[in-house]
Amino acid sequence: MYLYHAMQCPMEGIHGRTSLWHNIISGGTIGFFGYTSGRLGIPFIGNPELIFYKTGIPPYILAFTVYGTLSGLLAGGLGNKRF
């Protein structure tokens, strides 16, 4: 959680406002690096390699998408942030 805020707060400082994009990028980046390092799995996805075989979407892109979407939904729904 501290890493998430450490990534999100400088983006808000640079842009001078809060934005939902900051949350999506922070969550997606943590999911990407967490999956590629082997520390995180991909929630709601049983077998990422099977998804890659069927659709051609690499698992690390899928991890970025799932974690970014989850953090965006939480920030938008609970944090009432806008784009």
PDB file of N, CA and C in Angstrom:
ATOM      1  N   MET A   1       0.821  -1.184   0.000  1.00  0.00           N
ATOM      2  CA  MET A   1       0.000   0.000   0.000  1.00  0.00           C
ATOM      3  C   MET A   1       0.872   1.256   0.000  1.00  0.00           C
ATOM      4  N   TYR A   2       2.009   1.201   0.703  1.00  0.00           N
ATOM      5  CA  TYR A   2       2.871   2.370   0.734  1.00  0.00           C
ATOM      6  C   TYR A   2       3.475   2.639  -0.636  1.00  0.00           C
ATOM      7  N   LEU A   3       3.792   1.583  -1.357  1.00  0.00           N
ATOM      8  CA  LEU A   3       4.332   1.744  -2.702  1.00  0.00           C
ATOM      9  C   LEU A   3       3.304   2.391  -3.620  1.00  0.00           C
ATOM     10  N   TYR A   4       2.058   1.999  -3.462  1.00  0.00           N
ATOM     11  CA  TYR A   4       0.972   2.563  -4.267  1.00  0.00           C
ATOM     12  C   TYR A   4       0.874   4.072  -4.059  1.00  0.00           C
ATOM     13  N   HIS A   5       0.890   4.500  -2.816  1.00  0.00           N
ATOM     14  CA  HIS A   5       0.816   5.935  -2.518  1.00  0.00           C
ATOM     15  C   HIS A   5       2.098   6.661  -2.910  1.00  0.00           C
ATOM     16  N   ALA A   6       3.234   5.985  -2.795  1.00  0.00           N
ATOM     17  CA  ALA A   6       4.493   6.603  -3.200  1.00  0.00           C
ATOM     18  C   ALA A   6       4.548   6.829  -4.703  1.00  0.00           C
ATOM     19  N   MET A   7       3.820   6.049  -5.466  1.00  0.00           N
ATOM     20  CA  MET A   7       3.753   6.250  -6.912  1.00  0.00           C
ATOM     21  C   MET A   7       2.691   7.279  -7.281  1.00  0.00           C
ATOM     22  N   GLN A   8       1.598   7.270  -6.565  1.00  0.00           N
ATOM     23  CA  GLN A   8       0.455   8.120  -6.912  1.00  0.00           C
ATOM     24  C   GLN A   8       0.668   9.579  -6.500  1.00  0.00           C
ATOM     25  N   CYS A   9       1.213   9.827  -5.339  1.00  0.00           N
ATOM     26  CA  CYS A   9       1.336  11.201  -4.827  1.00  0.00           C
ATOM     27  C   CYS A   9       2.228  12.101  -5.675  1.00  0.00           C
ATOM     28  N   PRO A  10       3.380  11.633  -6.183  1.00  0.00           N
ATOM     29  CA  PRO A  10       4.160  12.527  -7.054  1.00  0.00           C
ATOM     30  C   PRO A  10       3.423  12.903  -8.338  1.00  0.00           C
ATOM     31  N   MET A  11       2.624  11.987  -8.875  1.00  0.00           N
ATOM     32  CA  MET A  11       1.855  12.318 -10.074  1.00  0.00           C
ATOM     33  C   MET A  11       0.844  13.417  -9.780  1.00  0.00           C
ATOM     34  N   GLU A  12       0.224  13.353  -8.614  1.00  0.00           N
ATOM     35  CA  GLU A  12      -0.721  14.405  -8.231  1.00  0.00           C
ATOM     36  C   GLU A  12       0.007  15.720  -7.998  1.00  0.00           C
ATOM     37  N   GLY A  13       1.212  15.660  -7.448  1.00  0.00           N
ATOM     38  CA  GLY A  13       1.990  16.873  -7.228  1.00  0.00           C
ATOM     39  C   GLY A  13       2.433  17.519  -8.531  1.00  0.00           C
ATOM     40  N   ILE A  14       2.815  16.701  -9.500  1.00  0.00           N
ATOM     41  CA  ILE A  14       3.263  17.227 -10.790  1.00  0.00           C
ATOM     42  C   ILE A  14       2.102  17.875 -11.535  1.00  0.00           C
ATOM     43  N   HIS A  15       0.950  17.215 -11.522  1.00  0.00           N
ATOM     44  CA  HIS A  15      -0.198  17.730 -12.272  1.00  0.00           C
ATOM     45  C   HIS A  15      -1.018  18.758 -11.491  1.00  0.00           C
ATOM     46  N   GLY A  16      -0.828  18.806 -10.192  1.00  0.00           N
ATOM     47  CA  GLY A  16      -1.520  19.799  -9.387  1.00  0.00           C
ATOM     48  C   GLY A  16      -2.968  19.473  -9.084  1.00  0.00           C
ATOM     49  N   ARG A  17      -3.391  18.240  -9.333  1.00  0.00           N
ATOM     50  CA  ARG A  17      -4.773  17.844  -9.034  1.00  0.00           C
ATOM     51  C   ARG A  17      -4.830  16.328  -8.922  1.00  0.00           C
ATOM     52  N   THR A  18      -5.900  15.833  -8.313  1.00  0.00           N
ATOM     53  CA  THR A  18      -6.095  14.394  -8.250  1.00  0.00           C
ATOM     54  C   THR A  18      -6.809  13.927  -9.514  1.00  0.00           C
ATOM     55  N   SER A  19      -6.492  12.739  -9.934  1.00  0.00           N
ATOM     56  CA  SER A  19      -7.108  12.196 -11.132  1.00  0.00           C
ATOM     57  C   SER A  19      -7.218  10.685 -11.003  1.00  0.00           C
ATOM     58  N   LEU A  20      -8.224  10.136 -11.600  1.00  0.00           N
ATOM     59  CA  LEU A  20      -8.420   8.692 -11.605  1.00  0.00           C
ATOM     60  C   LEU A  20      -7.318   7.988 -12.387  1.00  0.00           C
ATOM     61  N   TRP A  21      -6.739   8.674 -13.378  1.00  0.00           N
ATOM     62  CA  TRP A  21      -5.652   8.083 -14.155  1.00  0.00           C
ATOM     63  C   TRP A  21      -4.449   7.765 -13.281  1.00  0.00           C
ATOM     64  N   HIS A  22      -4.192   8.571 -12.271  1.00  0.00           N
ATOM     65  CA  HIS A  22      -3.058   8.324 -11.375  1.00  0.00           C
ATOM     66  C   HIS A  22      -3.235   7.003 -10.657  1.00  0.00           C
ATOM     67  N   ASN A  23      -4.449   6.725 -10.218  1.00  0.00           N
ATOM     68  CA  ASN A  23      -4.720   5.471  -9.533  1.00  0.00           C
ATOM     69  C   ASN A  23      -4.596   4.274 -10.479  1.00  0.00           C
ATOM     70  N   ILE A  24      -5.108   4.420 -11.693  1.00  0.00           N
ATOM     71  CA  ILE A  24      -5.059   3.322 -12.654  1.00  0.00           C
ATOM     72  C   ILE A  24      -3.613   2.996 -13.029  1.00  0.00           C
ATOM     73  N   ILE A  25      -2.821   4.015 -13.286  1.00  0.00           N
ATOM     74  CA  ILE A  25      -1.424   3.795 -13.661  1.00  0.00           C
ATOM     75  C   ILE A  25      -0.632   3.193 -12.502  1.00  0.00           C
ATOM     76  N   SER A  26      -0.869   3.668 -11.280  1.00  0.00           N
ATOM     77  CA  SER A  26      -0.151   3.142 -10.116  1.00  0.00           C
ATOM     78  C   SER A  26      -0.503   1.680  -9.866  1.00  0.00           C
ATOM     79  N   GLY A  27      -1.785   1.368  -9.861  1.00  0.00           N
ATOM     80  CA  GLY A  27      -2.211  -0.015  -9.640  1.00  0.00           C
ATOM     81  C   GLY A  27      -1.747  -0.943 -10.743  1.00  0.00           C
ATOM     82  N   GLY A  28      -1.830  -0.486 -11.991  1.00  0.00           N
ATOM     83  CA  GLY A  28      -1.388  -1.308 -13.110  1.00  0.00           C
ATOM     84  C   GLY A  28       0.102  -1.576 -13.084  1.00  0.00           C
ATOM     85  N   THR A  29       0.883  -0.580 -12.716  1.00  0.00           N
ATOM     86  CA  THR A  29       2.333  -0.750 -12.650  1.00  0.00           C
ATOM     87  C   THR A  29       2.718  -1.738 -11.559  1.00  0.00           C
ATOM     88  N   ILE A  30       2.067  -1.662 -10.417  1.00  0.00           N
ATOM     89  CA  ILE A  30       2.337  -2.613  -9.335  1.00  0.00           C
ATOM     90  C   ILE A  30       1.953  -4.021  -9.770  1.00  0.00           C
ATOM     91  N   GLY A  31       0.828  -4.169 -10.454  1.00  0.00           N
ATOM     92  CA  GLY A  31       0.431  -5.480 -10.954  1.00  0.00           C
ATOM     93  C   GLY A  31       1.409  -6.026 -11.979  1.00  0.00           C
ATOM     94  N   PHE A  32       1.886  -5.158 -12.878  1.00  0.00           N
ATOM     95  CA  PHE A  32       2.844  -5.569 -13.901  1.00  0.00           C
ATOM     96  C   PHE A  32       4.134  -6.085 -13.275  1.00  0.00           C
ATOM     97  N   PHE A  33       4.748  -5.268 -12.415  1.00  0.00           N
ATOM     98  CA  PHE A  33       6.019  -5.659 -11.817  1.00  0.00           C
ATOM     99  C   PHE A  33       5.855  -6.785 -10.802  1.00  0.00           C
ATOM    100  N   GLY A  34       4.732  -6.819 -10.108  1.00  0.00           N
ATOM    101  CA  GLY A  34       4.484  -7.911  -9.177  1.00  0.00           C
ATOM    102  C   GLY A  34       4.328  -9.246  -9.879  1.00  0.00           C
ATOM    103  N   TYR A  35       3.661  -9.242 -11.027  1.00  0.00           N
ATOM    104  CA  TYR A  35       3.492 -10.489 -11.769  1.00  0.00           C
ATOM    105  C   TYR A  35       4.795 -10.925 -12.424  1.00  0.00           C
ATOM    106  N   THR A  36       5.518  -9.985 -13.046  1.00  0.00           N
ATOM    107  CA  THR A  36       6.758 -10.368 -13.724  1.00  0.00           C
ATOM    108  C   THR A  36       7.839 -10.825 -12.752  1.00  0.00           C
ATOM    109  N   SER A  37       7.795 -10.355 -11.500  1.00  0.00           N
ATOM    110  CA  SER A  37       8.769 -10.808 -10.506  1.00  0.00           C
ATOM    111  C   SER A  37       8.325 -12.096  -9.819  1.00  0.00           C
ATOM    112  N   GLY A  38       7.101 -12.531 -10.064  1.00  0.00           N
ATOM    113  CA  GLY A  38       6.608 -13.766  -9.462  1.00  0.00           C
ATOM    114  C   GLY A  38       6.025 -13.593  -8.073  1.00  0.00           C
ATOM    115  N   ARG A  39       5.804 -12.373  -7.635  1.00  0.00           N
ATOM    116  CA  ARG A  39       5.279 -12.125  -6.291  1.00  0.00           C
ATOM    117  C   ARG A  39       3.764 -12.020  -6.250  1.00  0.00           C
ATOM    118  N   LEU A  40       3.144 -11.714  -7.381  1.00  0.00           N
ATOM    119  CA  LEU A  40       1.694 -11.573  -7.446  1.00  0.00           C
ATOM    120  C   LEU A  40       1.129 -12.470  -8.536  1.00  0.00           C
ATOM    121  N   GLY A  41      -0.070 -12.926  -8.302  1.00  0.00           N
ATOM    122  CA  GLY A  41      -0.811 -13.620  -9.343  1.00  0.00           C
ATOM    123  C   GLY A  41      -1.796 -12.646  -9.969  1.00  0.00           C
ATOM    124  N   ILE A  42      -2.589 -13.150 -10.886  1.00  0.00           N
ATOM    125  CA  ILE A  42      -3.589 -12.307 -11.521  1.00  0.00           C
ATOM    126  C   ILE A  42      -4.952 -12.736 -11.006  1.00  0.00           C
ATOM    127  N   PRO A  43      -5.649 -11.863 -10.255  1.00  0.00           N
ATOM    128  CA  PRO A  43      -6.953 -12.247  -9.727  1.00  0.00           C
ATOM    129  C   PRO A  43      -7.980 -12.450 -10.840  1.00  0.00           C
ATOM    130  N   PHE A  44      -8.897 -13.345 -10.601  1.00  0.00           N
ATOM    131  CA  PHE A  44     -10.003 -13.672 -11.504  1.00  0.00           C
ATOM    132  C   PHE A  44      -9.558 -14.421 -12.756  1.00  0.00           C
ATOM    133  N   ILE A  45      -8.273 -14.686 -12.910  1.00  0.00           N
ATOM    134  CA  ILE A  45      -7.753 -15.385 -14.072  1.00  0.00           C
ATOM    135  C   ILE A  45      -7.166 -16.704 -13.587  1.00  0.00           C
ATOM    136  N   GLY A  46      -7.734 -17.798 -14.042  1.00  0.00           N
ATOM    137  CA  GLY A  46      -7.257 -19.102 -13.597  1.00  0.00           C
ATOM    138  C   GLY A  46      -5.894 -19.464 -14.162  1.00  0.00           C
ATOM    139  N   ASN A  47      -5.725 -19.344 -15.468  1.00  0.00           N
ATOM    140  CA  ASN A  47      -4.486 -19.736 -16.116  1.00  0.00           C
ATOM    141  C   ASN A  47      -4.107 -18.672 -17.146  1.00  0.00           C
ATOM    142  N   PRO A  48      -3.210 -17.746 -16.796  1.00  0.00           N
ATOM    143  CA  PRO A  48      -2.852 -16.671 -17.726  1.00  0.00           C
ATOM    144  C   PRO A  48      -2.227 -17.175 -19.028  1.00  0.00           C
ATOM    145  N   GLU A  49      -1.505 -18.299 -18.961  1.00  0.00           N
ATOM    146  CA  GLU A  49      -0.894 -18.831 -20.167  1.00  0.00           C
ATOM    147  C   GLU A  49      -1.945 -19.325 -21.153  1.00  0.00           C
ATOM    148  N   LEU A  50      -3.058 -19.849 -20.648  1.00  0.00           N
ATOM    149  CA  LEU A  50      -4.143 -20.285 -21.510  1.00  0.00           C
ATOM    150  C   LEU A  50      -4.815 -19.087 -22.185  1.00  0.00           C
ATOM    151  N   ILE A  51      -4.969 -17.994 -21.454  1.00  0.00           N
ATOM    152  CA  ILE A  51      -5.514 -16.765 -22.042  1.00  0.00           C
ATOM    153  C   ILE A  51      -4.589 -16.264 -23.146  1.00  0.00           C
ATOM    154  N   PHE A  52      -3.267 -16.328 -22.911  1.00  0.00           N
ATOM    155  CA  PHE A  52      -2.309 -15.912 -23.928  1.00  0.00           C
ATOM    156  C   PHE A  52      -2.427 -16.791 -25.168  1.00  0.00           C
ATOM    157  N   TYR A  53      -2.592 -18.092 -24.956  1.00  0.00           N
ATOM    158  CA  TYR A  53      -2.705 -19.015 -26.078  1.00  0.00           C
ATOM    159  C   TYR A  53      -3.967 -18.746 -26.898  1.00  0.00           C
ATOM    160  N   LYS A  54      -5.059 -18.438 -26.221  1.00  0.00           N
ATOM    161  CA  LYS A  54      -6.335 -18.234 -26.923  1.00  0.00           C
ATOM    162  C   LYS A  54      -6.452 -16.847 -27.548  1.00  0.00           C
ATOM    163  N   THR A  55      -5.979 -15.800 -26.866  1.00  0.00           N
ATOM    164  CA  THR A  55      -6.205 -14.431 -27.336  1.00  0.00           C
ATOM    165  C   THR A  55      -4.952 -13.719 -27.813  1.00  0.00           C
ATOM    166  N   GLY A  56      -3.795 -14.176 -27.401  1.00  0.00           N
ATOM    167  CA  GLY A  56      -2.555 -13.508 -27.764  1.00  0.00           C
ATOM    168  C   GLY A  56      -2.176 -12.377 -26.830  1.00  0.00           C
ATOM    169  N   ILE A  57      -2.940 -12.170 -25.753  1.00  0.00           N
ATOM    170  CA  ILE A  57      -2.629 -11.122 -24.776  1.00  0.00           C
ATOM    171  C   ILE A  57      -1.581 -11.675 -23.806  1.00  0.00           C
ATOM    172  N   PRO A  58      -0.400 -11.046 -23.727  1.00  0.00           N
ATOM    173  CA  PRO A  58       0.630 -11.528 -22.798  1.00  0.00           C
ATOM    174  C   PRO A  58       0.163 -11.398 -21.348  1.00  0.00           C
ATOM    175  N   PRO A  59       0.569 -12.336 -20.489  1.00  0.00           N
ATOM    176  CA  PRO A  59       0.128 -12.302 -19.087  1.00  0.00           C
ATOM    177  C   PRO A  59       0.505 -11.023 -18.348  1.00  0.00           C
ATOM    178  N   TYR A  60       1.639 -10.424 -18.639  1.00  0.00           N
ATOM    179  CA  TYR A  60       2.027  -9.203 -17.919  1.00  0.00           C
ATOM    180  C   TYR A  60       1.138  -8.023 -18.307  1.00  0.00           C
ATOM    181  N   ILE A  61       0.650  -7.982 -19.545  1.00  0.00           N
ATOM    182  CA  ILE A  61      -0.307  -6.950 -19.945  1.00  0.00           C
ATOM    183  C   ILE A  61      -1.656  -7.210 -19.271  1.00  0.00           C
ATOM    184  N   LEU A  62      -2.013  -8.463 -19.161  1.00  0.00           N
ATOM    185  CA  LEU A  62      -3.249  -8.831 -18.465  1.00  0.00           C
ATOM    186  C   LEU A  62      -3.174  -8.438 -16.993  1.00  0.00           C
ATOM    187  N   ALA A  63      -2.001  -8.626 -16.369  1.00  0.00           N
ATOM    188  CA  ALA A  63      -1.819  -8.231 -14.970  1.00  0.00           C
ATOM    189  C   ALA A  63      -1.961  -6.721 -14.821  1.00  0.00           C
ATOM    190  N   PHE A  64      -1.349  -5.943 -15.723  1.00  0.00           N
ATOM    191  CA  PHE A  64      -1.484  -4.492 -15.680  1.00  0.00           C
ATOM    192  C   PHE A  64      -2.946  -4.089 -15.804  1.00  0.00           C
ATOM    193  N   THR A  65      -3.660  -4.718 -16.712  1.00  0.00           N
ATOM    194  CA  THR A  65      -5.061  -4.372 -16.955  1.00  0.00           C
ATOM    195  C   THR A  65      -5.937  -4.691 -15.752  1.00  0.00           C
ATOM    196  N   VAL A  66      -5.771  -5.875 -15.178  1.00  0.00           N
ATOM    197  CA  VAL A  66      -6.617  -6.270 -14.044  1.00  0.00           C
ATOM    198  C   VAL A  66      -6.341  -5.406 -12.821  1.00  0.00           C
ATOM    199  N   TYR A  67      -5.085  -5.214 -12.473  1.00  0.00           N
ATOM    200  CA  TYR A  67      -4.764  -4.408 -11.291  1.00  0.00           C
ATOM    201  C   TYR A  67      -5.096  -2.934 -11.501  1.00  0.00           C
ATOM    202  N   GLY A  68      -4.877  -2.425 -12.706  1.00  0.00           N
ATOM    203  CA  GLY A  68      -5.247  -1.046 -13.002  1.00  0.00           C
ATOM    204  C   GLY A  68      -6.751  -0.835 -12.929  1.00  0.00           C
ATOM    205  N   THR A  69      -7.506  -1.804 -13.442  1.00  0.00           N
ATOM    206  CA  THR A  69      -8.966  -1.707 -13.391  1.00  0.00           C
ATOM    207  C   THR A  69      -9.470  -1.762 -11.953  1.00  0.00           C
ATOM    208  N   LEU A  70      -8.913  -2.662 -11.159  1.00  0.00           N
ATOM    209  CA  LEU A  70      -9.338  -2.755  -9.761  1.00  0.00           C
ATOM    210  C   LEU A  70      -9.050  -1.471  -8.990  1.00  0.00           C
ATOM    211  N   SER A  71      -7.865  -0.919  -9.161  1.00  0.00           N
ATOM    212  CA  SER A  71      -7.554   0.319  -8.441  1.00  0.00           C
ATOM    213  C   SER A  71      -8.386   1.480  -8.965  1.00  0.00           C
ATOM    214  N   GLY A  72      -8.682   1.494 -10.250  1.00  0.00           N
ATOM    215  CA  GLY A  72      -9.546   2.537 -10.803  1.00  0.00           C
ATOM    216  C   GLY A  72     -10.966   2.445 -10.289  1.00  0.00           C
ATOM    217  N   LEU A  73     -11.477   1.224 -10.175  1.00  0.00           N
ATOM    218  CA  LEU A  73     -12.830   1.050  -9.643  1.00  0.00           C
ATOM    219  C   LEU A  73     -12.913   1.467  -8.178  1.00  0.00           C
ATOM    220  N   LEU A  74     -11.900   1.132  -7.409  1.00  0.00           N
ATOM    221  CA  LEU A  74     -11.905   1.525  -6.000  1.00  0.00           C
ATOM    222  C   LEU A  74     -11.775   3.034  -5.832  1.00  0.00           C
ATOM    223  N   ALA A  75     -10.911   3.657  -6.624  1.00  0.00           N
ATOM    224  CA  ALA A  75     -10.730   5.105  -6.508  1.00  0.00           C
ATOM    225  C   ALA A  75     -11.951   5.857  -7.030  1.00  0.00           C
ATOM    226  N   GLY A  76     -12.549   5.376  -8.086  1.00  0.00           N
ATOM    227  CA  GLY A  76     -13.716   6.043  -8.652  1.00  0.00           C
ATOM    228  C   GLY A  76     -14.965   5.830  -7.819  1.00  0.00           C
ATOM    229  N   GLY A  77     -15.145   4.607  -7.340  1.00  0.00           N
ATOM    230  CA  GLY A  77     -16.341   4.303  -6.571  1.00  0.00           C
ATOM    231  C   GLY A  77     -16.281   4.758  -5.140  1.00  0.00           C
ATOM    232  N   LEU A  78     -15.168   4.488  -4.489  1.00  0.00           N
ATOM    233  CA  LEU A  78     -15.040   4.837  -3.068  1.00  0.00           C
ATOM    234  C   LEU A  78     -14.399   6.200  -2.860  1.00  0.00           C
ATOM    235  N   GLY A  79     -13.460   6.562  -3.717  1.00  0.00           N
ATOM    236  CA  GLY A  79     -12.759   7.832  -3.555  1.00  0.00           C
ATOM    237  C   GLY A  79     -13.404   8.980  -4.286  1.00  0.00           C
ATOM    238  N   ASN A  80     -14.389   8.672  -5.114  1.00  0.00           N
ATOM    239  CA  ASN A  80     -15.146   9.686  -5.862  1.00  0.00           C
ATOM    240  C   ASN A  80     -14.220  10.559  -6.719  1.00  0.00           C
ATOM    241  N   LYS A  81     -13.211   9.940  -7.329  1.00  0.00           N
ATOM    242  CA  LYS A  81     -12.291  10.675  -8.192  1.00  0.00           C
ATOM    243  C   LYS A  81     -12.808  10.668  -9.621  1.00  0.00           C
ATOM    244  N   ARG A  82     -12.422  11.655 -10.367  1.00  0.00           N
ATOM    245  CA  ARG A  82     -12.815  11.798 -11.782  1.00  0.00           C
ATOM    246  C   ARG A  82     -11.566  11.756 -12.640  1.00  0.00           C
ATOM    247  N   PHE A  83     -11.771  11.564 -13.932  1.00  0.00           N
ATOM    248  CA  PHE A  83     -10.667  11.578 -14.883  1.00  0.00           C
ATOM    249  C   PHE A  83     -10.223  13.002 -15.058  1.00  0.00           C
TER     250      PHE A  83
END
